[in-house]
N, C-alpha and C. Protein backbone atom coordinates (compact mmCIF):
# COMPACT_ATOMS: atom_id res chain seq x y z
N MET A 1 76.95 77.84 -59.86
CA MET A 1 77.63 78.29 -59.50
C MET A 1 78.05 79.65 -59.01
N THR A 2 77.97 80.37 -57.82
CA THR A 2 77.59 81.76 -57.63
C THR A 2 78.75 82.57 -57.72
N HIS A 3 79.57 83.35 -58.31
CA HIS A 3 80.55 84.17 -58.21
C HIS A 3 80.45 84.76 -57.28
N ALA A 4 81.13 85.35 -55.88
CA ALA A 4 80.84 86.26 -54.67
C ALA A 4 81.55 87.34 -55.27
N GLU A 5 81.37 89.00 -54.48
CA GLU A 5 80.95 90.61 -55.23
C GLU A 5 82.39 90.86 -53.93
N PHE A 6 82.94 91.41 -54.67
CA PHE A 6 84.13 91.93 -53.54
C PHE A 6 83.89 92.86 -52.53
N ILE A 7 84.72 92.38 -51.55
CA ILE A 7 83.83 93.36 -50.08
C ILE A 7 84.79 94.27 -49.81
N PRO A 8 84.81 95.86 -50.35
CA PRO A 8 86.03 97.16 -49.95
C PRO A 8 85.82 96.78 -48.10
N LEU A 9 86.99 96.00 -46.60
CA LEU A 9 87.22 97.14 -46.41
C LEU A 9 87.94 97.32 -45.72
N ASN A 10 87.54 97.70 -44.51
CA ASN A 10 88.81 99.18 -44.00
C ASN A 10 89.79 98.86 -43.56
N LEU A 11 90.89 99.46 -43.06
CA LEU A 11 92.19 98.90 -42.99
C LEU A 11 92.87 99.76 -42.06
N ALA A 12 93.86 99.82 -41.75
CA ALA A 12 94.57 101.15 -40.65
C ALA A 12 95.84 99.93 -41.09
N VAL A 13 97.35 101.66 -40.70
CA VAL A 13 97.96 101.07 -41.15
C VAL A 13 99.27 101.78 -40.20
N LEU A 14 99.79 101.23 -40.23
CA LEU A 14 101.03 101.73 -38.96
C LEU A 14 101.69 101.30 -39.27
N THR A 15 102.85 102.22 -39.59
CA THR A 15 104.37 102.60 -39.28
C THR A 15 105.34 102.61 -38.37
N ILE A 16 105.80 101.96 -38.09
CA ILE A 16 106.47 101.65 -35.72
C ILE A 16 108.07 101.78 -37.22
N SER A 17 108.46 103.47 -36.38
CA SER A 17 110.02 103.42 -36.91
C SER A 17 110.35 104.64 -35.94
N ASP A 18 111.52 105.13 -35.06
CA ASP A 18 112.40 105.80 -35.01
C ASP A 18 112.75 107.25 -35.56
N THR A 19 112.18 106.65 -37.17
CA THR A 19 113.13 107.86 -37.95
C THR A 19 112.81 108.04 -38.87
N ARG A 20 111.46 107.41 -39.23
CA ARG A 20 109.83 107.50 -40.25
C ARG A 20 109.18 109.37 -40.11
N SER A 21 108.90 109.77 -40.96
CA SER A 21 108.12 110.59 -40.93
C SER A 21 107.04 110.78 -42.06
N GLU A 22 106.36 110.54 -42.01
CA GLU A 22 105.82 110.94 -43.16
C GLU A 22 106.08 110.74 -44.37
N HIS A 23 106.69 112.03 -45.56
CA HIS A 23 107.73 112.48 -46.01
C HIS A 23 108.17 110.70 -46.52
N ASP A 24 108.68 110.48 -45.80
CA ASP A 24 109.58 108.93 -46.12
C ASP A 24 109.52 107.52 -46.12
N ASP A 25 107.99 107.68 -45.39
CA ASP A 25 107.70 106.56 -45.02
C ASP A 25 107.74 105.52 -45.91
N VAL A 26 107.78 104.32 -46.42
CA VAL A 26 108.15 104.19 -47.94
C VAL A 26 106.65 102.44 -48.11
N SER A 27 107.23 102.05 -46.68
CA SER A 27 107.08 100.82 -46.05
C SER A 27 105.52 101.09 -46.51
N GLY A 28 105.27 101.92 -45.09
CA GLY A 28 103.51 102.03 -45.13
C GLY A 28 103.41 103.36 -46.10
N ASN A 29 103.99 104.15 -46.68
CA ASN A 29 102.78 104.23 -47.77
C ASN A 29 102.99 103.18 -49.35
N ALA A 30 104.01 102.31 -49.28
CA ALA A 30 103.52 101.12 -50.67
C ALA A 30 102.30 99.65 -50.00
N LEU A 31 102.32 100.28 -48.50
CA LEU A 31 101.20 99.07 -48.01
C LEU A 31 99.23 100.18 -48.38
N LYS A 32 99.76 101.44 -48.37
CA LYS A 32 98.89 102.04 -48.26
C LYS A 32 98.16 101.99 -49.70
N THR A 33 99.36 102.00 -50.80
CA THR A 33 98.55 101.96 -51.65
C THR A 33 98.34 100.82 -52.82
N ARG A 34 98.80 99.88 -52.14
CA ARG A 34 98.81 98.79 -52.57
C ARG A 34 96.81 98.08 -51.77
N ALA A 35 97.04 98.17 -50.61
CA ALA A 35 95.69 98.08 -50.40
C ALA A 35 94.68 99.07 -50.98
N GLU A 36 94.98 100.11 -51.23
CA GLU A 36 94.28 101.25 -51.96
C GLU A 36 93.49 100.62 -53.27
N ASP A 37 94.60 100.20 -54.35
CA ASP A 37 94.36 98.90 -55.10
C ASP A 37 93.79 98.79 -55.88
N ALA A 38 93.35 97.36 -54.49
CA ALA A 38 92.78 96.86 -54.45
C ALA A 38 91.64 96.33 -54.47
N GLY A 39 91.68 98.09 -53.82
CA GLY A 39 90.00 98.14 -53.11
C GLY A 39 88.67 98.68 -52.42
N HIS A 40 90.51 98.16 -50.95
CA HIS A 40 90.05 98.43 -49.77
C HIS A 40 90.29 99.83 -49.61
N ILE A 41 89.87 100.46 -48.08
CA ILE A 41 89.53 101.72 -47.81
C ILE A 41 90.72 101.53 -46.20
N VAL A 42 91.13 102.76 -47.11
CA VAL A 42 92.21 103.11 -45.85
C VAL A 42 91.71 104.24 -44.46
N LEU A 43 91.64 104.15 -43.72
CA LEU A 43 90.76 104.78 -43.34
C LEU A 43 92.26 105.21 -41.74
N HIS A 44 92.84 104.69 -41.96
CA HIS A 44 94.11 105.58 -40.99
C HIS A 44 95.06 104.97 -41.55
N LYS A 45 96.22 105.94 -41.29
CA LYS A 45 97.38 105.40 -41.72
C LYS A 45 98.83 106.37 -40.56
N ALA A 46 99.08 106.18 -39.09
CA ALA A 46 99.36 106.61 -38.57
C ALA A 46 101.59 106.45 -38.29
N ILE A 47 102.62 106.48 -37.33
CA ILE A 47 103.62 106.49 -37.14
C ILE A 47 103.63 106.16 -35.93
N VAL A 48 103.84 105.60 -35.21
CA VAL A 48 104.52 105.67 -33.46
C VAL A 48 106.27 104.98 -34.21
N LYS A 49 106.60 105.96 -32.45
CA LYS A 49 108.08 105.04 -32.05
C LYS A 49 107.78 103.33 -32.08
N ASP A 50 109.35 103.34 -32.11
CA ASP A 50 109.22 101.79 -32.17
C ASP A 50 109.51 101.22 -29.83
N ASN A 51 108.13 101.38 -29.22
CA ASN A 51 107.68 101.27 -28.18
C ASN A 51 106.65 100.82 -27.90
N ILE A 52 107.11 99.59 -27.44
CA ILE A 52 105.91 98.51 -26.88
C ILE A 52 104.48 99.23 -26.99
N TYR A 53 104.66 100.19 -26.12
CA TYR A 53 103.46 100.67 -25.66
C TYR A 53 102.84 101.92 -26.18
N HIS A 54 103.00 102.75 -26.86
CA HIS A 54 103.12 103.36 -27.98
C HIS A 54 102.62 102.71 -29.32
N ILE A 55 102.80 101.23 -29.70
CA ILE A 55 102.45 100.73 -30.23
C ILE A 55 101.10 100.14 -29.69
N ARG A 56 100.94 99.30 -28.73
CA ARG A 56 99.96 98.81 -28.12
C ARG A 56 98.29 99.27 -28.37
N ALA A 57 99.37 100.60 -27.57
CA ALA A 57 97.88 101.89 -27.99
C ALA A 57 97.15 102.25 -29.46
N MET A 58 98.03 102.24 -29.78
CA MET A 58 97.08 102.06 -32.00
C MET A 58 96.81 101.10 -31.99
N VAL A 59 97.59 100.08 -31.60
CA VAL A 59 96.50 98.51 -31.96
C VAL A 59 95.59 98.64 -31.49
N SER A 60 95.19 98.68 -30.20
CA SER A 60 94.13 99.17 -29.32
C SER A 60 93.34 99.78 -29.93
N GLN A 61 93.12 100.70 -30.19
CA GLN A 61 92.22 101.45 -30.17
C GLN A 61 91.84 101.21 -31.49
N TRP A 62 92.55 101.16 -32.01
CA TRP A 62 92.21 100.57 -33.53
C TRP A 62 91.19 99.05 -33.73
N ILE A 63 91.48 98.17 -32.90
CA ILE A 63 90.95 97.29 -32.70
C ILE A 63 89.64 97.28 -32.72
N ALA A 64 90.25 98.15 -31.42
CA ALA A 64 87.86 98.39 -30.11
C ALA A 64 87.30 99.69 -31.94
N ASP A 65 87.82 100.21 -32.89
CA ASP A 65 86.45 100.64 -33.37
C ASP A 65 86.27 99.57 -34.51
N ASP A 66 85.32 99.03 -34.84
CA ASP A 66 84.29 98.67 -35.41
C ASP A 66 84.09 98.41 -36.86
N ASP A 67 85.04 100.05 -37.45
CA ASP A 67 84.76 100.48 -38.70
C ASP A 67 86.05 99.41 -39.34
N ILE A 68 86.85 100.22 -38.41
CA ILE A 68 88.15 98.84 -38.98
C ILE A 68 88.22 97.58 -38.70
N HIS A 69 88.22 96.66 -39.44
CA HIS A 69 88.63 94.77 -40.16
C HIS A 69 89.78 94.67 -40.28
N ALA A 70 91.09 95.00 -40.23
CA ALA A 70 92.96 95.03 -40.42
C ALA A 70 93.03 96.22 -39.96
N VAL A 71 94.62 95.48 -39.36
CA VAL A 71 94.94 96.60 -38.74
C VAL A 71 96.44 95.74 -39.08
N ILE A 72 97.28 96.16 -40.18
CA ILE A 72 98.70 96.15 -41.28
C ILE A 72 99.41 96.51 -40.40
N THR A 73 100.46 96.18 -39.76
CA THR A 73 101.67 97.79 -38.99
C THR A 73 103.21 96.94 -39.66
N THR A 74 103.86 97.44 -39.98
CA THR A 74 105.83 97.62 -40.69
C THR A 74 106.70 97.89 -39.97
N GLY A 75 106.96 97.42 -38.99
CA GLY A 75 108.32 97.47 -38.99
C GLY A 75 108.31 97.21 -37.09
N GLY A 76 109.52 97.16 -36.26
CA GLY A 76 109.56 95.99 -35.12
C GLY A 76 109.52 95.36 -35.24
N THR A 77 109.58 94.07 -36.14
CA THR A 77 109.31 92.88 -36.37
C THR A 77 110.92 91.67 -36.03
N GLY A 78 112.48 92.77 -36.14
CA GLY A 78 113.61 92.10 -36.03
C GLY A 78 113.68 91.74 -34.83
N VAL A 79 115.02 91.79 -34.30
CA VAL A 79 115.56 90.50 -33.34
C VAL A 79 116.29 92.41 -32.06
N THR A 80 116.69 93.66 -32.83
CA THR A 80 117.21 94.21 -32.03
C THR A 80 117.10 94.42 -30.37
N GLY A 81 117.39 95.13 -29.51
CA GLY A 81 116.63 95.62 -28.47
C GLY A 81 115.73 96.92 -28.80
N ARG A 82 115.31 97.50 -29.78
CA ARG A 82 113.75 98.16 -29.62
C ARG A 82 113.59 97.73 -31.00
N ASP A 83 113.52 96.64 -31.44
CA ASP A 83 112.19 95.79 -32.04
C ASP A 83 110.86 95.31 -31.08
N GLY A 84 110.42 96.23 -30.61
CA GLY A 84 109.59 95.48 -29.79
C GLY A 84 107.56 95.37 -30.62
N THR A 85 107.42 95.30 -32.40
CA THR A 85 106.45 95.48 -32.59
C THR A 85 104.86 93.47 -32.03
N PRO A 86 106.58 92.42 -31.78
CA PRO A 86 105.08 91.19 -31.64
C PRO A 86 105.85 91.20 -29.50
N GLU A 87 105.69 91.89 -29.01
CA GLU A 87 105.69 91.94 -27.78
C GLU A 87 105.14 92.95 -27.30
N ALA A 88 104.65 93.80 -28.30
CA ALA A 88 103.21 94.77 -28.14
C ALA A 88 102.30 93.60 -28.52
N VAL A 89 101.65 93.08 -30.10
CA VAL A 89 101.13 92.74 -30.43
C VAL A 89 100.06 91.77 -29.99
N GLN A 90 101.37 90.93 -29.51
CA GLN A 90 100.90 89.26 -29.12
C GLN A 90 99.65 89.04 -28.23
N PRO A 91 99.85 90.50 -26.36
CA PRO A 91 98.84 90.14 -25.62
C PRO A 91 97.39 90.69 -26.51
N LEU A 92 97.40 91.66 -27.39
CA LEU A 92 96.17 91.88 -27.10
C LEU A 92 95.40 90.20 -29.24
N LEU A 93 95.90 89.71 -29.36
CA LEU A 93 95.67 88.15 -30.06
C LEU A 93 94.08 88.10 -28.86
N ASP A 94 93.43 87.81 -30.13
CA ASP A 94 92.63 86.25 -29.13
C ASP A 94 92.84 85.25 -29.87
N LYS A 95 93.58 85.16 -31.02
CA LYS A 95 93.61 84.32 -32.11
C LYS A 95 95.04 83.53 -32.80
N THR A 96 96.07 83.39 -32.98
CA THR A 96 97.41 83.62 -33.91
C THR A 96 96.77 83.10 -34.95
N LEU A 97 97.52 83.27 -36.19
CA LEU A 97 97.91 83.09 -37.74
C LEU A 97 98.80 82.56 -37.65
N ASP A 98 99.26 81.46 -37.00
CA ASP A 98 100.91 80.32 -37.52
C ASP A 98 100.90 80.62 -38.84
N GLY A 99 100.04 80.06 -39.38
CA GLY A 99 100.47 80.07 -40.58
C GLY A 99 100.63 81.44 -41.93
N PHE A 100 100.67 82.11 -40.94
CA PHE A 100 101.08 83.68 -41.68
C PHE A 100 102.75 83.53 -41.69
N GLY A 101 102.76 84.07 -40.37
CA GLY A 101 104.34 83.67 -40.66
C GLY A 101 105.13 82.75 -40.98
N GLU A 102 105.25 81.39 -40.80
CA GLU A 102 105.13 80.27 -41.52
C GLU A 102 105.70 81.08 -43.67
N VAL A 103 104.71 81.14 -43.80
CA VAL A 103 104.88 80.75 -44.92
C VAL A 103 105.07 82.19 -44.95
N PHE A 104 104.92 83.55 -44.67
CA PHE A 104 105.84 85.28 -44.82
C PHE A 104 107.18 84.12 -45.08
N ARG A 105 107.85 83.30 -43.68
CA ARG A 105 109.34 82.99 -44.57
C ARG A 105 110.00 82.10 -44.94
N MET A 106 109.62 81.59 -45.30
CA MET A 106 109.57 80.51 -47.21
C MET A 106 109.09 81.24 -48.09
N LEU A 107 108.27 82.64 -48.79
CA LEU A 107 108.61 83.22 -49.34
C LEU A 107 109.73 84.23 -49.66
N SER A 108 110.32 84.62 -48.16
CA SER A 108 111.14 85.49 -47.95
C SER A 108 112.47 84.64 -48.32
N TYR A 109 112.44 83.37 -48.29
CA TYR A 109 113.25 82.92 -47.73
C TYR A 109 114.19 82.56 -49.92
N GLN A 110 112.70 82.46 -50.43
CA GLN A 110 113.37 82.95 -52.01
C GLN A 110 114.43 83.95 -52.28
N THR A 111 114.10 85.23 -51.99
CA THR A 111 114.76 85.88 -51.36
C THR A 111 115.94 86.63 -50.89
N ILE A 112 115.64 86.21 -49.18
CA ILE A 112 116.62 86.87 -48.47
C ILE A 112 117.74 86.16 -47.95
N LYS A 113 117.11 84.66 -48.24
CA LYS A 113 117.05 82.91 -47.67
C LYS A 113 118.23 83.18 -46.05
N THR A 114 118.51 82.72 -46.33
CA THR A 114 118.67 82.56 -43.89
C THR A 114 118.64 83.79 -43.44
N SER A 115 117.99 84.20 -43.75
CA SER A 115 118.12 86.34 -43.32
C SER A 115 116.49 85.90 -42.06
N THR A 116 115.97 86.01 -43.18
CA THR A 116 114.11 85.42 -43.02
C THR A 116 114.44 85.29 -41.64
N ILE A 117 114.97 83.74 -41.03
CA ILE A 117 115.52 83.54 -40.10
C ILE A 117 115.43 84.82 -38.97
N GLN A 118 115.46 86.05 -39.43
CA GLN A 118 116.27 87.38 -37.89
C GLN A 118 113.91 87.68 -38.40
N SER A 119 112.76 87.00 -39.22
CA SER A 119 112.17 87.88 -38.66
C SER A 119 111.55 87.31 -38.14
N ARG A 120 110.47 87.75 -37.18
CA ARG A 120 109.18 87.46 -36.50
C ARG A 120 107.92 88.83 -37.17
N ALA A 121 107.90 88.22 -38.39
CA ALA A 121 106.10 88.62 -38.68
C ALA A 121 105.05 87.62 -38.24
N LEU A 122 104.85 88.74 -37.94
CA LEU A 122 102.47 87.51 -37.78
C LEU A 122 101.90 88.20 -37.56
N ALA A 123 100.39 87.08 -37.84
CA ALA A 123 99.06 87.57 -37.89
C ALA A 123 98.31 86.23 -37.23
N GLY A 124 97.42 87.75 -36.26
CA GLY A 124 96.87 87.21 -36.03
C GLY A 124 95.25 87.45 -35.37
N VAL A 125 93.97 87.43 -34.72
CA VAL A 125 93.15 87.99 -34.31
C VAL A 125 93.17 88.58 -33.38
N ALA A 126 92.14 89.87 -33.35
CA ALA A 126 91.74 90.48 -31.95
C ALA A 126 90.18 91.19 -31.96
N ASN A 127 89.49 91.47 -31.20
CA ASN A 127 87.81 91.88 -31.62
C ASN A 127 87.19 92.09 -32.48
N GLY A 128 87.55 91.05 -33.43
CA GLY A 128 86.75 90.34 -34.73
C GLY A 128 87.76 91.76 -35.22
N THR A 129 89.64 91.71 -35.10
CA THR A 129 90.02 92.37 -36.08
C THR A 129 90.85 91.70 -35.99
N TYR A 130 91.31 92.06 -37.58
CA TYR A 130 92.80 90.74 -38.38
C TYR A 130 94.22 92.51 -37.58
N ILE A 131 95.21 91.24 -37.66
CA ILE A 131 96.32 92.62 -37.49
C ILE A 131 97.71 91.54 -38.62
N PHE A 132 98.33 92.31 -39.19
CA PHE A 132 99.11 91.98 -39.49
C PHE A 132 100.62 92.40 -39.24
N CYS A 133 101.34 91.98 -39.06
CA CYS A 133 102.79 92.87 -38.28
C CYS A 133 103.71 92.42 -39.35
N LEU A 134 104.03 93.56 -40.51
CA LEU A 134 105.57 92.66 -41.21
C LEU A 134 106.96 93.57 -40.53
N PRO A 135 107.45 93.26 -41.47
CA PRO A 135 109.08 93.95 -40.94
C PRO A 135 109.13 95.41 -42.14
N GLY A 136 110.35 95.65 -41.73
CA GLY A 136 109.60 97.28 -41.33
C GLY A 136 110.39 97.22 -43.66
N SER A 137 110.68 96.55 -44.14
CA SER A 137 111.48 96.52 -45.55
C SER A 137 110.00 96.61 -46.48
N SER A 138 111.25 97.63 -47.47
CA SER A 138 109.78 97.36 -47.82
C SER A 138 109.86 96.43 -49.63
N ASN A 139 110.57 95.79 -49.70
CA ASN A 139 110.02 94.17 -50.01
C ASN A 139 109.80 93.82 -49.49
N ALA A 140 109.83 93.65 -47.97
CA ALA A 140 108.79 92.59 -46.81
C ALA A 140 107.32 93.22 -46.81
N CYS A 141 107.46 94.65 -47.31
CA CYS A 141 106.26 94.81 -47.23
C CYS A 141 105.25 93.59 -48.62
N ARG A 142 106.02 94.56 -49.71
CA ARG A 142 105.45 93.89 -50.91
C ARG A 142 105.44 92.68 -50.77
N THR A 143 106.08 91.51 -50.35
CA THR A 143 105.78 89.78 -50.74
C THR A 143 104.72 89.62 -49.94
N ALA A 144 104.44 90.34 -48.09
CA ALA A 144 103.52 90.50 -47.39
C ALA A 144 102.74 90.58 -48.39
N TRP A 145 101.94 91.43 -48.59
CA TRP A 145 100.95 91.87 -49.14
C TRP A 145 100.58 91.42 -51.07
N ASP A 146 101.12 91.10 -52.35
CA ASP A 146 101.17 90.54 -53.08
C ASP A 146 100.85 89.09 -53.43
N ASP A 147 101.68 88.10 -51.99
CA ASP A 147 101.88 86.56 -52.26
C ASP A 147 100.94 86.01 -50.63
N LEU A 148 100.62 86.48 -49.48
CA LEU A 148 99.57 86.26 -48.71
C LEU A 148 98.29 87.15 -48.35
N ILE A 149 98.52 88.71 -47.73
CA ILE A 149 96.64 89.76 -47.01
C ILE A 149 96.51 89.95 -48.79
N ARG A 150 96.20 90.27 -49.75
CA ARG A 150 95.91 91.03 -51.01
C ARG A 150 94.46 89.87 -51.34
N ASP A 151 95.07 88.53 -51.20
CA ASP A 151 94.33 87.02 -51.79
C ASP A 151 93.55 87.29 -50.05
N GLN A 152 93.84 87.20 -49.57
CA GLN A 152 93.13 86.27 -48.24
C GLN A 152 92.18 87.52 -47.64
N LEU A 153 92.34 88.74 -48.02
CA LEU A 153 91.72 89.82 -48.05
C LEU A 153 90.50 89.93 -48.42
N ASP A 154 90.24 89.49 -49.97
CA ASP A 154 89.86 88.76 -51.32
C ASP A 154 88.31 88.08 -51.28
N ILE A 155 87.10 88.29 -50.88
CA ILE A 155 86.51 87.12 -50.87
C ILE A 155 86.53 85.95 -51.89
N ARG A 156 86.61 87.03 -53.07
CA ARG A 156 86.28 86.16 -54.13
C ARG A 156 88.02 84.74 -54.65
N THR A 157 88.65 84.83 -53.46
CA THR A 157 90.58 84.03 -53.48
C THR A 157 88.82 82.88 -53.11
N LYS A 158 89.49 81.72 -53.42
CA LYS A 158 88.99 80.03 -53.13
C LYS A 158 90.19 79.17 -52.29
N PRO A 159 90.12 78.64 -52.19
CA PRO A 159 89.08 77.28 -51.83
C PRO A 159 88.75 78.60 -50.42
N CYS A 160 88.68 78.92 -49.83
CA CYS A 160 89.42 80.10 -48.78
C CYS A 160 89.12 81.34 -48.17
N ASN A 161 89.07 82.52 -47.55
CA ASN A 161 90.41 83.41 -46.75
C ASN A 161 88.80 83.75 -45.71
N LEU A 162 89.89 84.96 -45.36
CA LEU A 162 89.65 85.90 -44.67
C LEU A 162 88.72 86.36 -44.71
N VAL A 163 88.08 86.50 -44.78
CA VAL A 163 86.67 87.26 -45.69
C VAL A 163 85.52 87.28 -44.77
N GLN A 164 85.88 85.67 -45.60
CA GLN A 164 84.21 85.08 -45.31
C GLN A 164 84.07 84.36 -44.39
N LEU A 165 85.49 84.75 -43.34
CA LEU A 165 85.22 84.19 -41.56
C LEU A 165 85.22 85.35 -41.33
N MET A 166 85.10 86.44 -41.81
CA MET A 166 84.53 87.29 -40.61
C MET A 166 83.10 87.62 -39.73
N PRO A 167 82.65 86.98 -40.20
CA PRO A 167 81.51 87.48 -39.28
C PRO A 167 80.92 86.00 -38.38
N ARG A 168 82.19 85.40 -38.74
CA ARG A 168 81.95 84.71 -37.10
C ARG A 168 82.79 84.83 -35.75
N LEU A 169 83.88 85.92 -36.37
CA LEU A 169 85.21 86.34 -35.60
C LEU A 169 85.03 86.25 -34.35
N ARG A 170 83.99 86.66 -33.72
CA ARG A 170 83.46 86.83 -32.53
C ARG A 170 82.54 85.90 -32.09
N GLU A 171 82.01 85.34 -32.26
CA GLU A 171 81.61 83.78 -31.42
C GLU A 171 82.50 83.73 -30.43
N ALA A 172 80.79 83.54 -29.43
CA ALA A 172 81.17 82.72 -27.90
C ALA A 172 81.17 81.40 -28.24
């Protein structure tokens, strides 16, 4: 049996917040560090206000860049009036990965119990780029990366992973 070699992916991390700056972006920095520690390259990291048009503009820019394989957002997935990440990202998706949100909420239930129903975490594919939208909590980001995203962005994960599907994402 042949073992696949790790393939580093180019990622972009977007923090959605009306209050965070690069100095205190705990969740965005945690995602960047975890991705780099796993061997990936974070090409871009940015912070935008929780405004669907600002979010959509940045994510659109990154999914139009053939050098970016995945975008991970943190923040704006709750239910308050300012939480608009799902509304910003969903219209961009060609396909949704419904299982991501379902499994994320299942894992979160172990820690935050019924509060997990407030999360609208989601994932999908847009223009051949994976997009993961996570809550703004650093604990939620750690859970999502450590228990879901890391393995799916590693071609060595068996029986299957998202990396092995990348060459076929833009099939017509």
